[in-house]
């Protein structure tokens, strides 16, 4: 992979933000449809401090994870995409549970409630897999044009 780091970072951001809209929210739709998620997908509740809709906030933060993934992608090229995607999703879950939650004054690991933990793993796992797949597609399309 001889794509410049800045290009990989941008493609990673784009892939991950897109994956929020397609894979993350897709899993949310499925879980909501079967009655597991209490709130409908594509949430627009304003998020402090700037009041941006929650879905935009999710896309932004997902995109930042994707940016980092894009920079690390050359080191992961020989790994199975499914495994890399699951690991990316797990990274997002663990940061959410053990870093973000305490900062926001929320219980770590969703309060150790198994159903909520499973929901988090499924939604973020789907996002991680989607990010890796979309990134690979974007990278291959970019290579085909070059």
N, C-alpha and C. Protein backbone atom coordinates (compact mmCIF):
# COMPACT_ATOMS: atom_id res chain seq x y z
N UNK A 1 0.87 -1.17 0.00
CA UNK A 1 0.00 0.00 0.00
C UNK A 1 0.91 1.22 0.00
N UNK A 2 1.00 1.89 -1.14
CA UNK A 2 1.85 3.06 -1.24
C UNK A 2 1.04 4.35 -1.34
N UNK A 3 -0.18 4.33 -0.83
CA UNK A 3 -1.03 5.51 -0.80
C UNK A 3 -0.50 6.46 0.28
N UNK A 4 -0.42 7.76 -0.02
CA UNK A 4 0.07 8.71 0.99
C UNK A 4 -0.77 8.68 2.27
N UNK A 5 -0.11 8.93 3.39
CA UNK A 5 -0.76 8.86 4.70
C UNK A 5 -1.95 9.82 4.78
N UNK A 6 -1.81 11.01 4.25
CA UNK A 6 -2.90 11.99 4.32
C UNK A 6 -4.13 11.49 3.55
N UNK A 7 -3.89 10.86 2.42
CA UNK A 7 -4.99 10.30 1.63
C UNK A 7 -5.66 9.16 2.39
N UNK A 8 -4.85 8.27 2.97
CA UNK A 8 -5.41 7.16 3.76
C UNK A 8 -6.21 7.68 4.94
N UNK A 9 -5.71 8.73 5.59
CA UNK A 9 -6.43 9.31 6.73
C UNK A 9 -7.78 9.86 6.28
N UNK A 10 -7.79 10.59 5.18
CA UNK A 10 -9.05 11.14 4.66
C UNK A 10 -10.02 10.06 4.24
N UNK A 11 -9.51 9.04 3.55
CA UNK A 11 -10.38 7.93 3.15
C UNK A 11 -10.89 7.17 4.37
N UNK A 12 -10.05 7.05 5.40
CA UNK A 12 -10.47 6.39 6.64
C UNK A 12 -11.59 7.15 7.32
N UNK A 13 -11.45 8.49 7.36
CA UNK A 13 -12.50 9.32 7.95
C UNK A 13 -13.80 9.15 7.18
N UNK A 14 -13.72 9.24 5.85
CA UNK A 14 -14.90 9.11 5.00
C UNK A 14 -15.54 7.73 5.14
N UNK A 15 -14.71 6.69 5.17
CA UNK A 15 -15.23 5.33 5.30
C UNK A 15 -15.95 5.14 6.63
N UNK A 16 -15.35 5.63 7.71
CA UNK A 16 -15.94 5.43 9.04
C UNK A 16 -17.20 6.26 9.23
N UNK A 17 -17.20 7.50 8.75
CA UNK A 17 -18.42 8.32 8.86
C UNK A 17 -19.54 7.69 8.04
N UNK A 18 -19.22 7.19 6.85
CA UNK A 18 -20.22 6.50 6.02
C UNK A 18 -20.71 5.23 6.69
N UNK A 19 -19.78 4.53 7.34
CA UNK A 19 -20.15 3.29 8.02
C UNK A 19 -21.12 3.55 9.18
N UNK A 20 -21.01 4.71 9.81
CA UNK A 20 -21.97 5.07 10.86
C UNK A 20 -23.37 5.10 10.25
N UNK A 21 -23.49 5.74 9.10
CA UNK A 21 -24.80 5.91 8.46
C UNK A 21 -25.36 4.60 7.91
N UNK A 22 -24.49 3.71 7.45
CA UNK A 22 -24.96 2.48 6.80
C UNK A 22 -24.94 1.28 7.76
N UNK A 23 -23.79 0.97 8.32
CA UNK A 23 -23.65 -0.25 9.13
C UNK A 23 -24.08 -0.04 10.59
N UNK A 24 -23.60 1.01 11.22
CA UNK A 24 -23.96 1.31 12.62
C UNK A 24 -25.46 1.50 12.74
N UNK A 25 -25.99 2.40 11.90
CA UNK A 25 -27.43 2.67 11.96
C UNK A 25 -28.23 1.51 11.38
N UNK A 26 -27.65 0.75 10.46
CA UNK A 26 -28.31 -0.45 9.96
C UNK A 26 -28.54 -1.47 11.06
N UNK A 27 -27.51 -1.69 11.87
CA UNK A 27 -27.66 -2.60 13.02
C UNK A 27 -28.65 -2.02 14.02
N UNK A 28 -28.61 -0.70 14.21
CA UNK A 28 -29.54 -0.03 15.12
C UNK A 28 -30.98 -0.27 14.64
N UNK A 29 -31.21 -0.14 13.33
CA UNK A 29 -32.55 -0.38 12.76
C UNK A 29 -33.02 -1.79 13.06
N UNK A 30 -32.13 -2.76 12.86
CA UNK A 30 -32.48 -4.16 13.12
C UNK A 30 -32.84 -4.35 14.59
N UNK A 31 -32.00 -3.84 15.47
CA UNK A 31 -32.25 -4.00 16.91
C UNK A 31 -33.50 -3.25 17.36
N UNK A 32 -33.75 -2.11 16.77
CA UNK A 32 -34.96 -1.35 17.08
C UNK A 32 -36.20 -2.09 16.58
N UNK A 33 -36.10 -2.67 15.37
CA UNK A 33 -37.23 -3.38 14.78
C UNK A 33 -37.63 -4.61 15.60
N UNK A 34 -36.65 -5.25 16.24
CA UNK A 34 -36.99 -6.43 17.04
C UNK A 34 -37.26 -6.06 18.51
N UNK A 35 -37.25 -4.75 18.80
CA UNK A 35 -37.64 -4.28 20.13
C UNK A 35 -36.53 -4.24 21.16
N UNK A 36 -35.28 -4.35 20.73
CA UNK A 36 -34.17 -4.33 21.67
C UNK A 36 -33.68 -2.91 21.96
N UNK A 37 -33.69 -2.06 20.94
CA UNK A 37 -33.27 -0.66 21.11
C UNK A 37 -34.48 0.17 21.51
N UNK A 38 -34.36 0.97 22.56
CA UNK A 38 -35.50 1.77 22.99
C UNK A 38 -35.75 2.99 22.09
N UNK A 39 -34.71 3.50 21.47
CA UNK A 39 -34.85 4.72 20.66
C UNK A 39 -34.73 4.38 19.17
N UNK A 40 -35.44 5.12 18.33
CA UNK A 40 -35.34 4.85 16.89
C UNK A 40 -33.97 5.25 16.34
N UNK A 41 -33.61 4.71 15.17
CA UNK A 41 -32.32 5.03 14.56
C UNK A 41 -32.26 6.48 14.08
N UNK A 42 -31.06 6.89 13.67
CA UNK A 42 -30.79 8.24 13.18
C UNK A 42 -31.24 9.31 14.19
N UNK A 43 -30.71 9.22 15.43
CA UNK A 43 -31.14 10.15 16.48
C UNK A 43 -30.69 11.58 16.17
N UNK A 44 -31.56 12.52 16.43
CA UNK A 44 -31.25 13.93 16.16
C UNK A 44 -31.23 14.77 17.44
N UNK A 45 -31.28 14.13 18.58
CA UNK A 45 -31.21 14.84 19.86
C UNK A 45 -29.95 15.70 19.88
N UNK A 46 -30.06 16.98 20.27
CA UNK A 46 -28.87 17.85 20.30
C UNK A 46 -27.86 17.39 21.35
N UNK A 47 -26.61 17.37 20.95
CA UNK A 47 -25.54 16.95 21.85
C UNK A 47 -24.75 18.18 22.31
N UNK A 48 -24.63 18.37 23.64
CA UNK A 48 -23.85 19.50 24.15
C UNK A 48 -22.37 19.32 23.79
N UNK A 49 -21.58 20.34 23.74
CA UNK A 49 -21.92 21.72 24.09
C UNK A 49 -22.43 22.53 22.90
N UNK A 50 -22.35 22.00 21.68
CA UNK A 50 -22.70 22.81 20.51
C UNK A 50 -24.10 22.53 19.97
N UNK A 51 -24.76 21.51 20.49
CA UNK A 51 -26.13 21.21 20.07
C UNK A 51 -26.25 20.56 18.71
N UNK A 52 -25.17 19.91 18.25
CA UNK A 52 -25.27 19.22 16.96
C UNK A 52 -26.13 17.96 17.12
N UNK A 53 -26.85 17.56 16.07
CA UNK A 53 -27.65 16.34 16.17
C UNK A 53 -26.76 15.13 16.48
N UNK A 54 -27.29 14.23 17.25
CA UNK A 54 -26.52 13.06 17.70
C UNK A 54 -25.95 12.27 16.53
N UNK A 55 -26.69 12.14 15.43
CA UNK A 55 -26.19 11.36 14.30
C UNK A 55 -24.95 12.02 13.69
N UNK A 56 -24.91 13.34 13.66
CA UNK A 56 -23.73 14.06 13.15
C UNK A 56 -22.56 13.85 14.11
N UNK A 57 -22.83 13.90 15.39
CA UNK A 57 -21.82 13.65 16.41
C UNK A 57 -21.23 12.24 16.25
N UNK A 58 -22.10 11.26 16.04
CA UNK A 58 -21.64 9.88 15.84
C UNK A 58 -20.77 9.77 14.59
N UNK A 59 -21.17 10.43 13.52
CA UNK A 59 -20.39 10.40 12.27
C UNK A 59 -19.01 11.05 12.48
N UNK A 60 -18.98 12.16 13.20
CA UNK A 60 -17.71 12.84 13.44
C UNK A 60 -16.75 11.96 14.24
N UNK A 61 -17.22 11.43 15.37
CA UNK A 61 -16.34 10.62 16.21
C UNK A 61 -15.98 9.31 15.52
N UNK A 62 -16.94 8.71 14.83
CA UNK A 62 -16.61 7.52 14.04
C UNK A 62 -15.55 7.84 13.00
N UNK A 63 -15.68 9.00 12.36
CA UNK A 63 -14.71 9.42 11.37
C UNK A 63 -13.31 9.57 11.95
N UNK A 64 -13.21 10.07 13.18
CA UNK A 64 -11.89 10.19 13.80
C UNK A 64 -11.25 8.83 14.03
N UNK A 65 -12.05 7.86 14.46
CA UNK A 65 -11.52 6.49 14.58
C UNK A 65 -11.05 6.00 13.21
N UNK A 66 -11.84 6.30 12.18
CA UNK A 66 -11.48 5.88 10.83
C UNK A 66 -10.21 6.54 10.33
N UNK A 67 -10.01 7.80 10.70
CA UNK A 67 -8.78 8.50 10.34
C UNK A 67 -7.57 7.74 10.90
N UNK A 68 -7.65 7.37 12.16
CA UNK A 68 -6.55 6.61 12.78
C UNK A 68 -6.41 5.26 12.09
N UNK A 69 -7.52 4.61 11.81
CA UNK A 69 -7.46 3.33 11.10
C UNK A 69 -6.77 3.50 9.74
N UNK A 70 -7.11 4.56 9.01
CA UNK A 70 -6.49 4.81 7.71
C UNK A 70 -4.98 4.94 7.82
N UNK A 71 -4.52 5.58 8.88
CA UNK A 71 -3.07 5.72 9.07
C UNK A 71 -2.41 4.38 9.42
N UNK A 72 -3.13 3.52 10.15
CA UNK A 72 -2.59 2.23 10.56
C UNK A 72 -2.79 1.13 9.51
N UNK A 73 -3.60 1.39 8.50
CA UNK A 73 -3.99 0.36 7.53
C UNK A 73 -2.81 -0.40 6.90
N UNK A 74 -1.70 0.25 6.55
CA UNK A 74 -0.60 -0.53 5.96
C UNK A 74 -0.07 -1.63 6.88
N UNK A 75 -0.15 -1.41 8.17
CA UNK A 75 0.31 -2.42 9.14
C UNK A 75 -0.67 -3.59 9.25
N UNK A 76 -1.90 -3.37 8.80
CA UNK A 76 -2.96 -4.37 8.97
C UNK A 76 -3.35 -5.04 7.66
N UNK A 77 -2.64 -4.74 6.59
CA UNK A 77 -3.03 -5.17 5.25
C UNK A 77 -3.10 -6.69 5.11
N UNK A 78 -2.27 -7.43 5.83
CA UNK A 78 -2.24 -8.88 5.71
C UNK A 78 -3.22 -9.59 6.64
N UNK A 79 -3.93 -8.83 7.45
CA UNK A 79 -4.88 -9.42 8.39
C UNK A 79 -6.25 -9.58 7.72
N UNK A 80 -7.03 -10.56 8.15
CA UNK A 80 -8.39 -10.71 7.59
C UNK A 80 -9.25 -9.48 7.90
N UNK A 81 -9.92 -8.97 6.88
CA UNK A 81 -10.71 -7.75 7.03
C UNK A 81 -11.78 -7.88 8.11
N UNK A 82 -12.44 -9.04 8.17
CA UNK A 82 -13.47 -9.24 9.18
C UNK A 82 -12.90 -9.10 10.58
N UNK A 83 -11.75 -9.71 10.82
CA UNK A 83 -11.11 -9.65 12.13
C UNK A 83 -10.67 -8.21 12.46
N UNK A 84 -10.11 -7.51 11.49
CA UNK A 84 -9.69 -6.12 11.70
C UNK A 84 -10.91 -5.26 12.02
N UNK A 85 -12.01 -5.47 11.30
CA UNK A 85 -13.22 -4.71 11.54
C UNK A 85 -13.79 -4.95 12.93
N UNK A 86 -13.80 -6.20 13.34
CA UNK A 86 -14.29 -6.52 14.69
C UNK A 86 -13.39 -5.86 15.75
N UNK A 87 -12.09 -5.91 15.54
CA UNK A 87 -11.16 -5.28 16.49
C UNK A 87 -11.35 -3.76 16.53
N UNK A 88 -11.59 -3.16 15.38
CA UNK A 88 -11.85 -1.72 15.33
C UNK A 88 -13.12 -1.39 16.12
N UNK A 89 -14.15 -2.19 15.92
CA UNK A 89 -15.39 -1.99 16.68
C UNK A 89 -15.17 -2.17 18.17
N UNK A 90 -14.38 -3.17 18.55
CA UNK A 90 -14.09 -3.40 19.97
C UNK A 90 -13.32 -2.23 20.57
N UNK A 91 -12.40 -1.65 19.81
CA UNK A 91 -11.68 -0.46 20.30
C UNK A 91 -12.66 0.66 20.61
N UNK A 92 -13.60 0.88 19.70
CA UNK A 92 -14.60 1.93 19.93
C UNK A 92 -15.44 1.63 21.16
N UNK A 93 -15.81 0.37 21.33
CA UNK A 93 -16.61 -0.03 22.50
C UNK A 93 -15.83 0.22 23.79
N UNK A 94 -14.60 -0.24 23.83
CA UNK A 94 -13.83 -0.12 25.08
C UNK A 94 -13.53 1.34 25.42
N UNK A 95 -13.24 2.16 24.43
CA UNK A 95 -13.03 3.59 24.69
C UNK A 95 -14.33 4.20 25.22
N UNK A 96 -15.45 3.83 24.61
CA UNK A 96 -16.74 4.35 25.06
C UNK A 96 -17.03 3.93 26.49
N UNK A 97 -16.81 2.66 26.79
CA UNK A 97 -17.13 2.15 28.11
C UNK A 97 -16.22 2.67 29.21
N UNK A 98 -14.91 2.72 28.93
CA UNK A 98 -13.94 2.95 30.00
C UNK A 98 -13.27 4.33 29.99
N UNK A 99 -13.50 5.11 28.94
CA UNK A 99 -12.94 6.46 28.88
C UNK A 99 -14.07 7.49 28.80
N UNK A 100 -14.92 7.37 27.79
CA UNK A 100 -15.95 8.38 27.56
C UNK A 100 -17.00 8.35 28.67
N UNK A 101 -17.47 7.17 29.03
CA UNK A 101 -18.52 7.07 30.06
C UNK A 101 -18.10 7.75 31.37
N UNK A 102 -16.92 7.45 31.92
CA UNK A 102 -16.53 8.14 33.16
C UNK A 102 -16.41 9.66 32.99
N UNK A 103 -15.92 10.11 31.84
CA UNK A 103 -15.81 11.55 31.60
C UNK A 103 -17.19 12.20 31.64
N UNK A 104 -18.18 11.50 31.09
CA UNK A 104 -19.55 12.03 31.06
C UNK A 104 -20.32 11.75 32.35
N UNK A 105 -19.69 11.09 33.31
CA UNK A 105 -20.37 10.78 34.56
C UNK A 105 -21.35 9.62 34.44
N UNK A 106 -21.15 8.79 33.43
CA UNK A 106 -22.01 7.62 33.21
C UNK A 106 -21.34 6.37 33.77
N UNK A 107 -22.12 5.33 34.06
CA UNK A 107 -21.51 4.09 34.57
C UNK A 107 -20.63 3.43 33.50
N UNK A 108 -19.49 2.90 33.92
CA UNK A 108 -18.62 2.22 32.97
C UNK A 108 -19.31 0.96 32.44
N UNK A 109 -18.95 0.60 31.23
CA UNK A 109 -19.47 -0.60 30.57
C UNK A 109 -21.00 -0.68 30.63
N UNK A 110 -21.64 0.45 30.39
CA UNK A 110 -23.11 0.57 30.42
C UNK A 110 -23.71 -0.01 31.70
N UNK A 111 -22.97 0.13 32.79
CA UNK A 111 -23.46 -0.36 34.08
C UNK A 111 -23.39 -1.88 34.21
N UNK A 112 -22.63 -2.51 33.33
CA UNK A 112 -22.48 -3.97 33.32
C UNK A 112 -23.81 -4.69 33.09
N UNK A 113 -24.74 -4.01 32.40
CA UNK A 113 -26.02 -4.62 32.06
C UNK A 113 -25.80 -5.43 30.77
N UNK A 114 -25.93 -6.76 30.83
CA UNK A 114 -25.58 -7.60 29.68
C UNK A 114 -26.26 -7.22 28.37
N UNK A 115 -27.55 -6.92 28.38
CA UNK A 115 -28.24 -6.57 27.14
C UNK A 115 -27.67 -5.28 26.54
N UNK A 116 -27.45 -4.28 27.38
CA UNK A 116 -26.87 -3.02 26.88
C UNK A 116 -25.45 -3.22 26.37
N UNK A 117 -24.70 -4.09 27.03
CA UNK A 117 -23.34 -4.39 26.58
C UNK A 117 -23.38 -5.07 25.21
N UNK A 118 -24.30 -6.03 25.05
CA UNK A 118 -24.43 -6.74 23.78
C UNK A 118 -24.83 -5.77 22.66
N UNK A 119 -25.76 -4.86 22.94
CA UNK A 119 -26.18 -3.87 21.94
C UNK A 119 -24.98 -3.05 21.49
N UNK A 120 -24.20 -2.59 22.44
CA UNK A 120 -23.02 -1.79 22.12
C UNK A 120 -22.03 -2.58 21.26
N UNK A 121 -21.81 -3.82 21.61
CA UNK A 121 -20.90 -4.67 20.84
C UNK A 121 -21.41 -4.91 19.42
N UNK A 122 -22.71 -5.18 19.28
CA UNK A 122 -23.27 -5.43 17.95
C UNK A 122 -23.23 -4.19 17.06
N UNK A 123 -23.64 -3.05 17.60
CA UNK A 123 -23.69 -1.83 16.79
C UNK A 123 -22.28 -1.39 16.40
N UNK A 124 -21.37 -1.39 17.36
CA UNK A 124 -20.01 -0.95 17.05
C UNK A 124 -19.23 -1.98 16.25
N UNK A 125 -19.53 -3.26 16.45
CA UNK A 125 -18.91 -4.29 15.62
C UNK A 125 -19.33 -4.15 14.17
N UNK A 126 -20.61 -3.90 13.94
CA UNK A 126 -21.09 -3.68 12.58
C UNK A 126 -20.41 -2.46 11.97
N UNK A 127 -20.28 -1.38 12.76
CA UNK A 127 -19.60 -0.18 12.29
C UNK A 127 -18.15 -0.48 11.91
N UNK A 128 -17.44 -1.21 12.76
CA UNK A 128 -16.03 -1.53 12.49
C UNK A 128 -15.86 -2.34 11.22
N UNK A 129 -16.69 -3.35 11.05
CA UNK A 129 -16.63 -4.17 9.84
C UNK A 129 -16.94 -3.30 8.62
N UNK A 130 -17.97 -2.48 8.73
CA UNK A 130 -18.32 -1.59 7.63
C UNK A 130 -17.22 -0.62 7.29
N UNK A 131 -16.56 -0.08 8.30
CA UNK A 131 -15.46 0.85 8.07
C UNK A 131 -14.35 0.21 7.26
N UNK A 132 -13.95 -0.99 7.65
CA UNK A 132 -12.88 -1.68 6.94
C UNK A 132 -13.29 -2.01 5.50
N UNK A 133 -14.52 -2.45 5.31
CA UNK A 133 -14.99 -2.78 3.96
C UNK A 133 -15.07 -1.53 3.07
N UNK A 134 -15.64 -0.46 3.60
CA UNK A 134 -15.77 0.77 2.81
C UNK A 134 -14.39 1.35 2.52
N UNK A 135 -13.50 1.34 3.50
CA UNK A 135 -12.14 1.83 3.29
C UNK A 135 -11.45 1.05 2.18
N UNK A 136 -11.57 -0.27 2.22
CA UNK A 136 -10.95 -1.11 1.19
C UNK A 136 -11.51 -0.79 -0.18
N UNK A 137 -12.82 -0.59 -0.24
CA UNK A 137 -13.46 -0.24 -1.51
C UNK A 137 -12.98 1.11 -2.01
N UNK A 138 -12.94 2.10 -1.14
CA UNK A 138 -12.47 3.43 -1.54
C UNK A 138 -11.01 3.40 -1.99
N UNK A 139 -10.20 2.64 -1.27
CA UNK A 139 -8.78 2.54 -1.61
C UNK A 139 -8.59 1.85 -2.96
N UNK A 140 -9.35 0.79 -3.20
CA UNK A 140 -9.21 0.09 -4.48
C UNK A 140 -9.73 0.94 -5.63
N UNK A 141 -10.79 1.69 -5.43
CA UNK A 141 -11.29 2.58 -6.48
C UNK A 141 -10.32 3.70 -6.76
N UNK A 142 -9.66 4.20 -5.71
CA UNK A 142 -8.67 5.25 -5.90
C UNK A 142 -7.49 4.69 -6.68
N UNK A 143 -7.07 3.46 -6.34
CA UNK A 143 -5.96 2.83 -7.05
C UNK A 143 -6.29 2.55 -8.52
N UNK A 144 -7.55 2.21 -8.78
CA UNK A 144 -7.97 1.92 -10.15
C UNK A 144 -7.94 3.19 -11.01
N UNK A 145 -8.22 4.34 -10.39
CA UNK A 145 -8.21 5.61 -11.12
C UNK A 145 -6.81 6.12 -11.35
N UNK A 146 -5.88 5.77 -10.44
CA UNK A 146 -4.52 6.31 -10.53
C UNK A 146 -3.72 5.70 -11.66
